[in-house]
C-alpha cells in the first residue's frame, strides 16, 4: 500500500508554547490510524494542521506526496474531515443537508449522494428531519458529508463522543468497510481505547505534544503473547512475593486487591507455581489477565510523565 499522509518534523507553537513537538509519521491507503492521548496532548491541534485550519510553525505535511503549504488547494481537496462535532441543519432532512454540501462542489450528483447514504447505512432515515436522528445517526450523516467529494483521506476527531455502544459499533463497522472497500485512509482520534483497539490497524500514542510510540495491532498482540499477566490468590502475599523475587530475577510482581499480579512469559508460570507450593504457601487460584491497548497506553504515558517531572 502506498503512503497517503506523511508528517515530517511537524511543530506547532502558540504564544511561544510548544503544543505539538516534532511529529513524524506516515499512513497508508486502506489503513485506519488511531491517534490517542490524554486531553491537551496535541491531537486536535495536529488534526487542524493537517486540515489546513492551523498554520504549521515548522516541518512539512504531505498528502498524496503534495506539500500542503505549497499545494494547499489540491492537497486539502483530498481530505474529508469532522473536527470536533458535525454541524448540520436540524430542521432539514438528512438528504437536504447532503444536497447543501454537494452544491459546494462541481462534480457531486444525485447518484453520489445516494451512494454515500448507502455507505453509512442511512437509507431508511435519510428523508427524515435531522432533529429526529439519534447521536449515532448524526455522526454517520457527518461521515456521509465528509465523503461526498470522494476524498482519499477521512479524518474524524473524537467521533465516538457521546455515542451509545450500538452507535459506536455501527460507526466502527462503517469505517472498516470504507477502509477495506474504498481503499480510504482513515485517521481517528479518541479516548475510548477499547474501541480504538477494535477499530484501528495502527496506533500513535501522543503525550505533551510528542509521539511516545507508534504500534500496529499486530505488535501489541505479539507483546501480549510473549508476556502475560497472571493473578495469584494465596494465603500469604508478602511471603509469596519475597520467595518469587529471590528466585526469579527481574520479574514484574505487585500486590493488588489482595492478589499477586505477575507479568511473565508463559513458561515461567510453572516455576512460580512450584515456588509457592514448595514454600508451604497455600495457592487458591490462578487466572490470566489479558494485556490491552489501555495497558500499553498507561504504561507509555505514565513513563513519559515521570520523565517530564
Protein backbone atom coordinates (compact mmCIF):
# COMPACT_ATOMS: atom_id res chain seq x y z
CA UNK A 1 0.00 0.00 0.00
CA UNK A 2 1.27 3.48 -0.86
CA UNK A 3 1.69 6.28 1.67
CA UNK A 4 -1.14 8.82 1.58
CA UNK A 5 -0.41 11.08 4.55
CA UNK A 6 3.04 11.95 5.85
CA UNK A 7 4.16 14.33 8.60
CA UNK A 8 7.84 15.30 8.81
CA UNK A 9 9.14 17.06 11.92
CA UNK A 10 5.90 18.99 12.38
CA UNK A 11 5.88 21.52 15.23
CA UNK A 12 3.23 24.00 16.37
CA UNK A 13 3.84 26.88 18.77
CA UNK A 14 1.11 29.12 20.19
CA UNK A 15 2.24 32.15 22.22
CA UNK A 16 5.77 30.68 22.29
CA UNK A 17 4.44 27.49 23.90
CA UNK A 18 5.13 24.23 22.05
CA UNK A 19 1.79 22.45 21.55
CA UNK A 20 2.99 19.87 19.02
CA UNK A 21 6.64 18.89 19.11
CA UNK A 22 8.46 17.48 16.07
CA UNK A 23 5.88 14.88 14.94
CA UNK A 24 6.89 12.43 12.22
CA UNK A 25 4.71 9.57 10.98
CA UNK A 26 3.08 8.25 7.80
CA UNK A 27 -0.20 6.50 6.97
CA UNK A 28 -1.01 4.20 4.05
CA UNK A 29 -4.08 3.88 1.88
CA UNK A 30 -6.64 1.46 3.30
CA UNK A 31 -5.30 1.93 6.83
CA UNK A 32 -7.23 3.05 9.92
CA UNK A 33 -4.83 5.07 12.05
CA UNK A 34 -5.65 5.70 15.71
CA UNK A 35 -4.40 8.92 17.27
CA UNK A 36 -4.62 8.54 21.06
CA UNK A 37 -3.55 10.61 24.04
CA UNK A 38 -4.89 12.43 27.11
CA UNK A 39 -6.61 15.83 26.97
CA UNK A 40 -4.16 18.52 25.90
CA UNK A 41 -1.79 16.02 24.29
CA UNK A 42 -1.89 17.79 20.91
CA UNK A 43 -4.23 15.51 18.94
CA UNK A 44 -6.75 18.12 17.78
CA UNK A 45 -4.01 20.67 17.06
CA UNK A 46 -2.28 18.14 14.80
CA UNK A 47 -5.55 17.32 13.04
CA UNK A 48 -6.25 21.03 12.47
CA UNK A 49 -2.81 21.46 10.89
CA UNK A 50 -3.44 18.51 8.57
CA UNK A 51 -6.79 20.05 7.58
CA UNK A 52 -5.24 23.48 6.96
CA UNK A 53 -7.13 25.10 9.87
CA UNK A 54 -3.90 25.90 11.74
CA UNK A 55 -0.63 27.09 10.27
CA UNK A 56 2.47 24.94 10.73
CA UNK A 57 5.26 26.55 12.78
CA UNK A 58 7.88 24.25 11.28
CA UNK A 59 8.04 20.94 9.40
CA UNK A 60 6.05 19.61 6.45
CA UNK A 61 2.79 17.75 5.85
CA UNK A 62 2.29 15.80 2.63
CA UNK A 63 -0.96 14.41 1.21
CA UNK A 64 -0.54 12.23 -1.89
CA UNK A 65 3.09 13.42 -1.98
CA UNK A 66 1.93 17.06 -2.23
CA UNK A 67 3.15 19.54 0.37
CA UNK A 68 0.03 21.21 1.79
CA UNK A 69 1.86 24.51 2.30
CA UNK A 70 2.84 24.71 -1.37
CA UNK A 71 -0.15 22.91 -2.93
CA UNK A 72 -2.87 23.92 -0.49
CA UNK A 73 -5.99 23.66 -2.65
CA UNK A 74 -5.01 20.41 -4.36
CA UNK A 75 -3.90 18.76 -1.11
CA UNK A 76 -6.85 19.81 1.03
CA UNK A 77 -9.24 18.69 -1.71
CA UNK A 78 -8.20 15.13 -0.88
CA UNK A 79 -9.46 15.45 2.72
CA UNK A 80 -12.87 14.81 4.24
CA UNK A 81 -13.00 15.71 7.92
CA UNK A 82 -15.12 16.11 11.02
CA UNK A 83 -13.24 18.18 13.58
CA UNK A 84 -14.99 18.09 16.95
CA UNK A 85 -18.77 17.90 16.11
CA UNK A 86 -20.50 17.55 12.72
CA UNK A 87 -22.68 20.60 12.01
CA UNK A 88 -25.98 20.32 10.14
CA UNK A 89 -29.38 21.94 9.72
CA UNK A 90 -31.64 20.08 12.14
CA UNK A 91 -34.91 21.36 10.60
CA UNK A 92 -33.97 19.82 7.21
CA UNK A 93 -33.82 16.16 6.22
CA UNK A 94 -30.54 14.27 6.10
CA UNK A 95 -30.70 14.25 2.32
CA UNK A 96 -31.31 18.01 2.11
CA UNK A 97 -28.25 18.55 4.31
CA UNK A 98 -26.18 16.48 1.88
CA UNK A 99 -27.55 18.46 -1.08
CA UNK A 100 -26.39 21.71 0.53
CA UNK A 101 -22.86 20.32 0.92
CA UNK A 102 -22.98 18.97 -2.65
CA UNK A 103 -23.56 22.49 -4.02
CA UNK A 104 -20.11 23.49 -2.78
CA UNK A 105 -18.56 21.16 -5.38
CA UNK A 106 -18.91 20.88 -9.14
CA UNK A 107 -18.97 17.12 -9.55
CA UNK A 108 -21.44 15.72 -6.98
CA UNK A 109 -24.69 14.42 -8.46
CA UNK A 110 -27.75 12.60 -7.06
CA UNK A 111 -26.11 9.22 -7.64
CA UNK A 112 -23.14 10.15 -5.46
CA UNK A 113 -25.44 11.35 -2.68
CA UNK A 114 -27.32 8.04 -2.77
CA UNK A 115 -24.00 6.19 -2.82
CA UNK A 116 -22.68 7.77 0.40
CA UNK A 117 -26.06 7.33 2.10
CA UNK A 118 -25.76 3.60 1.40
CA UNK A 119 -22.14 3.53 2.59
CA UNK A 120 -23.10 4.92 6.01
CA UNK A 121 -26.30 2.83 6.20
CA UNK A 122 -28.82 5.67 6.45
CA UNK A 123 -31.12 4.63 3.57
CA UNK A 124 -34.16 4.14 5.81
CA UNK A 125 -33.92 7.53 7.56
CA UNK A 126 -32.24 9.85 5.08
CA UNK A 127 -35.52 11.66 4.25
CA UNK A 128 -36.37 12.27 7.92
CA UNK A 129 -35.51 15.55 9.60
CA UNK A 130 -32.14 15.58 11.35
CA UNK A 131 -33.76 16.71 14.62
CA UNK A 132 -35.28 13.20 14.86
CA UNK A 133 -31.87 11.49 14.50
CA UNK A 134 -30.00 9.80 17.32
CA UNK A 135 -26.45 10.99 18.03
CA UNK A 136 -25.08 7.93 16.24
CA UNK A 137 -27.14 8.71 13.13
CA UNK A 138 -25.90 12.31 13.16
CA UNK A 139 -22.32 11.03 13.31
CA UNK A 140 -22.97 8.78 10.32
CA UNK A 141 -24.56 11.68 8.42
CA UNK A 142 -21.45 13.71 9.26
CA UNK A 143 -19.28 10.94 7.78
CA UNK A 144 -21.50 11.00 4.67
CA UNK A 145 -20.96 14.78 4.35
CA UNK A 146 -17.20 14.28 4.60
CA UNK A 147 -17.26 11.55 1.93
CA UNK A 148 -19.34 13.33 -0.72
CA UNK A 149 -16.41 14.63 -2.80
CA UNK A 150 -14.62 11.23 -2.77
CA UNK A 151 -11.66 12.14 -0.53
CA UNK A 152 -8.63 9.88 -0.18
CA UNK A 153 -8.25 10.79 3.48
CA UNK A 154 -11.02 10.80 6.11
CA UNK A 155 -10.23 12.48 9.45
CA UNK A 156 -12.53 12.12 12.46
CA UNK A 157 -11.75 13.92 15.71
CA UNK A 158 -13.33 12.13 18.70
CA UNK A 159 -16.16 10.62 16.59
CA UNK A 160 -17.35 8.27 19.36
CA UNK A 161 -18.01 11.04 21.93
CA UNK A 162 -21.48 10.61 23.40
CA UNK A 163 -22.34 7.52 21.36
CA UNK A 164 -24.00 4.51 22.97
CA UNK A 165 -22.46 1.03 22.42
CA UNK A 166 -24.64 0.33 19.36
CA UNK A 167 -23.75 3.71 17.82
CA UNK A 168 -20.04 3.04 18.36
CA UNK A 169 -20.37 -0.42 16.80
CA UNK A 170 -22.18 0.99 13.74
CA UNK A 171 -19.53 3.69 13.27
CA UNK A 172 -16.73 1.15 13.66
CA UNK A 173 -18.24 -1.12 11.01
CA UNK A 174 -18.77 1.84 8.66
CA UNK A 175 -15.13 2.94 8.93
CA UNK A 176 -13.79 -0.59 8.49
CA UNK A 177 -15.96 -1.00 5.39
CA UNK A 178 -14.66 2.29 3.96
CA UNK A 179 -11.03 1.38 4.58
CA UNK A 180 -11.39 -2.12 3.11
CA UNK A 181 -13.71 -1.47 0.16
CA UNK A 182 -12.98 2.16 -0.75
CA UNK A 183 -9.21 1.99 -0.07
CA UNK A 184 -9.70 5.07 2.10
CA UNK A 185 -7.11 6.22 4.61
CA UNK A 186 -8.87 6.95 7.93
CA UNK A 187 -7.44 8.92 10.86
CA UNK A 188 -9.40 8.67 14.12
CA UNK A 189 -8.65 10.32 17.46
CA UNK A 190 -10.38 9.04 20.58
CA UNK A 191 -10.14 8.47 24.33
CA UNK A 192 -12.05 5.16 24.12
CA UNK A 193 -9.06 2.86 23.94
CA UNK A 194 -11.03 -0.39 23.91
CA UNK A 195 -12.91 0.82 20.83
CA UNK A 196 -9.72 2.01 19.14
CA UNK A 197 -8.29 -1.46 19.62
CA UNK A 198 -11.25 -2.96 17.73
CA UNK A 199 -11.25 -0.27 15.04
CA UNK A 200 -7.65 0.59 14.12
CA UNK A 201 -4.69 -1.05 12.39
CA UNK A 202 -2.03 1.31 13.76
CA UNK A 203 -1.88 3.46 16.90
CA UNK A 204 0.07 6.65 17.53
CA UNK A 205 0.35 7.45 21.24
CA UNK A 206 0.92 11.18 21.84
CA UNK A 207 1.53 12.95 25.15
CA UNK A 208 2.62 16.52 25.87
CA UNK A 209 2.82 17.17 22.12
CA UNK A 210 5.32 14.38 21.47
CA UNK A 211 4.94 10.93 19.93
CA UNK A 212 5.57 8.36 22.65
CA UNK A 213 5.17 5.32 20.44
CA UNK A 214 3.66 4.05 17.20
CA UNK A 215 2.48 0.46 17.25
CA UNK A 216 0.47 -1.80 15.00
CA UNK A 217 -2.25 -4.03 16.40
CA UNK A 218 -0.03 -6.96 15.45
CA UNK A 219 2.82 -5.54 17.59
CA UNK A 220 0.52 -5.31 20.60
CA UNK A 221 -0.81 -8.83 20.12
CA UNK A 222 2.73 -10.18 19.80
CA UNK A 223 3.71 -8.46 23.05
CA UNK A 224 0.65 -9.90 24.75
CA UNK A 225 1.60 -13.37 23.55
CA UNK A 226 5.20 -13.05 24.79
CA UNK A 227 4.44 -11.58 28.21
CA UNK A 228 1.20 -12.33 30.04
CA UNK A 229 -0.26 -11.04 33.30
CA UNK A 230 -1.27 -13.69 35.83
CA UNK A 231 -3.23 -13.24 39.03
CA UNK A 232 -2.42 -15.49 42.03
CA UNK A 233 -4.66 -15.83 45.08
CA UNK A 234 -2.60 -17.10 48.05
CA UNK A 235 -2.83 -17.05 51.84
CA UNK A 236 0.49 -15.23 52.43
CA UNK A 237 1.01 -12.48 49.88
CA UNK A 238 4.19 -10.95 51.32
CA UNK A 239 5.97 -14.29 51.70
CA UNK A 240 4.97 -15.39 48.21
CA UNK A 241 6.23 -12.15 46.69
CA UNK A 242 9.54 -12.40 48.58
CA UNK A 243 10.12 -16.03 47.56
CA UNK A 244 9.40 -15.36 43.90
CA UNK A 245 11.63 -12.27 43.73
CA UNK A 246 14.51 -14.15 45.44
CA UNK A 247 14.40 -16.99 42.91
CA UNK A 248 13.38 -15.28 39.66
CA UNK A 249 15.32 -12.17 38.70
CA UNK A 250 13.74 -9.13 37.00
CA UNK A 251 10.19 -10.41 37.30
CA UNK A 252 7.33 -7.87 37.38
CA UNK A 253 5.29 -8.55 40.50
CA UNK A 254 2.90 -6.39 42.56
CA UNK A 255 0.25 -6.92 45.21
CA UNK A 256 -3.12 -5.59 44.07
CA UNK A 257 -6.60 -6.19 45.53
CA UNK A 258 -5.30 -8.99 47.80
CA UNK A 259 -3.73 -10.85 44.88
CA UNK A 260 -0.27 -11.23 43.38
CA UNK A 261 -0.16 -9.81 39.85
CA UNK A 262 2.77 -11.24 37.93
CA UNK A 263 3.86 -10.31 34.38
CA UNK A 264 5.95 -13.05 32.78
CA UNK A 265 6.37 -15.41 29.85
CA UNK A 266 4.07 -18.42 29.91
CA UNK A 267 6.84 -20.93 30.62
CA UNK A 268 7.71 -19.08 33.87
CA UNK A 269 4.25 -19.84 35.25
CA UNK A 270 5.10 -23.42 36.26
CA UNK A 271 8.25 -22.23 38.09
CA UNK A 272 6.23 -19.65 40.06
CA UNK A 273 3.63 -22.30 40.87
CA UNK A 274 6.27 -24.71 42.26
CA UNK A 275 7.93 -21.99 44.33
CA UNK A 276 4.64 -21.12 46.03
CA UNK A 277 3.73 -24.72 46.83
CA UNK A 278 7.25 -25.79 47.92
CA UNK A 279 7.38 -22.92 50.42
CA UNK A 280 4.22 -24.01 52.24
CA UNK A 281 2.08 -21.20 50.81
CA UNK A 282 -1.49 -22.16 50.04
CA UNK A 283 -2.48 -21.43 46.45
CA UNK A 284 -6.21 -20.98 45.87
CA UNK A 285 -6.49 -19.58 42.37
CA UNK A 286 -4.54 -18.68 39.22
CA UNK A 287 -6.13 -16.59 36.46
CA UNK A 288 -4.92 -14.84 33.32
CA UNK A 289 -5.26 -11.08 32.90
CA UNK A 290 -5.12 -10.03 29.25
CA UNK A 291 -2.97 -7.07 28.20
CA UNK A 292 -4.88 -4.44 26.26
CA UNK A 293 -4.18 -1.24 24.35
CA UNK A 294 -5.16 0.56 27.56
CA UNK A 295 -2.35 -1.22 29.43
CA UNK A 296 0.11 -0.20 26.73
CA UNK A 297 -1.17 3.39 26.73
CA UNK A 298 -0.98 3.80 30.51
CA UNK A 299 2.48 2.25 30.65
CA UNK A 300 3.83 4.62 27.99
CA UNK A 301 2.15 7.85 29.18
CA UNK A 302 2.95 7.25 32.85
CA UNK A 303 6.58 6.68 31.91
CA UNK A 304 6.69 9.91 29.87
CA UNK A 305 5.07 11.92 32.67
CA UNK A 306 7.74 10.70 35.11
CA UNK A 307 10.47 11.81 32.71
CA UNK A 308 8.94 15.31 32.50
CA UNK A 309 8.80 15.67 36.29
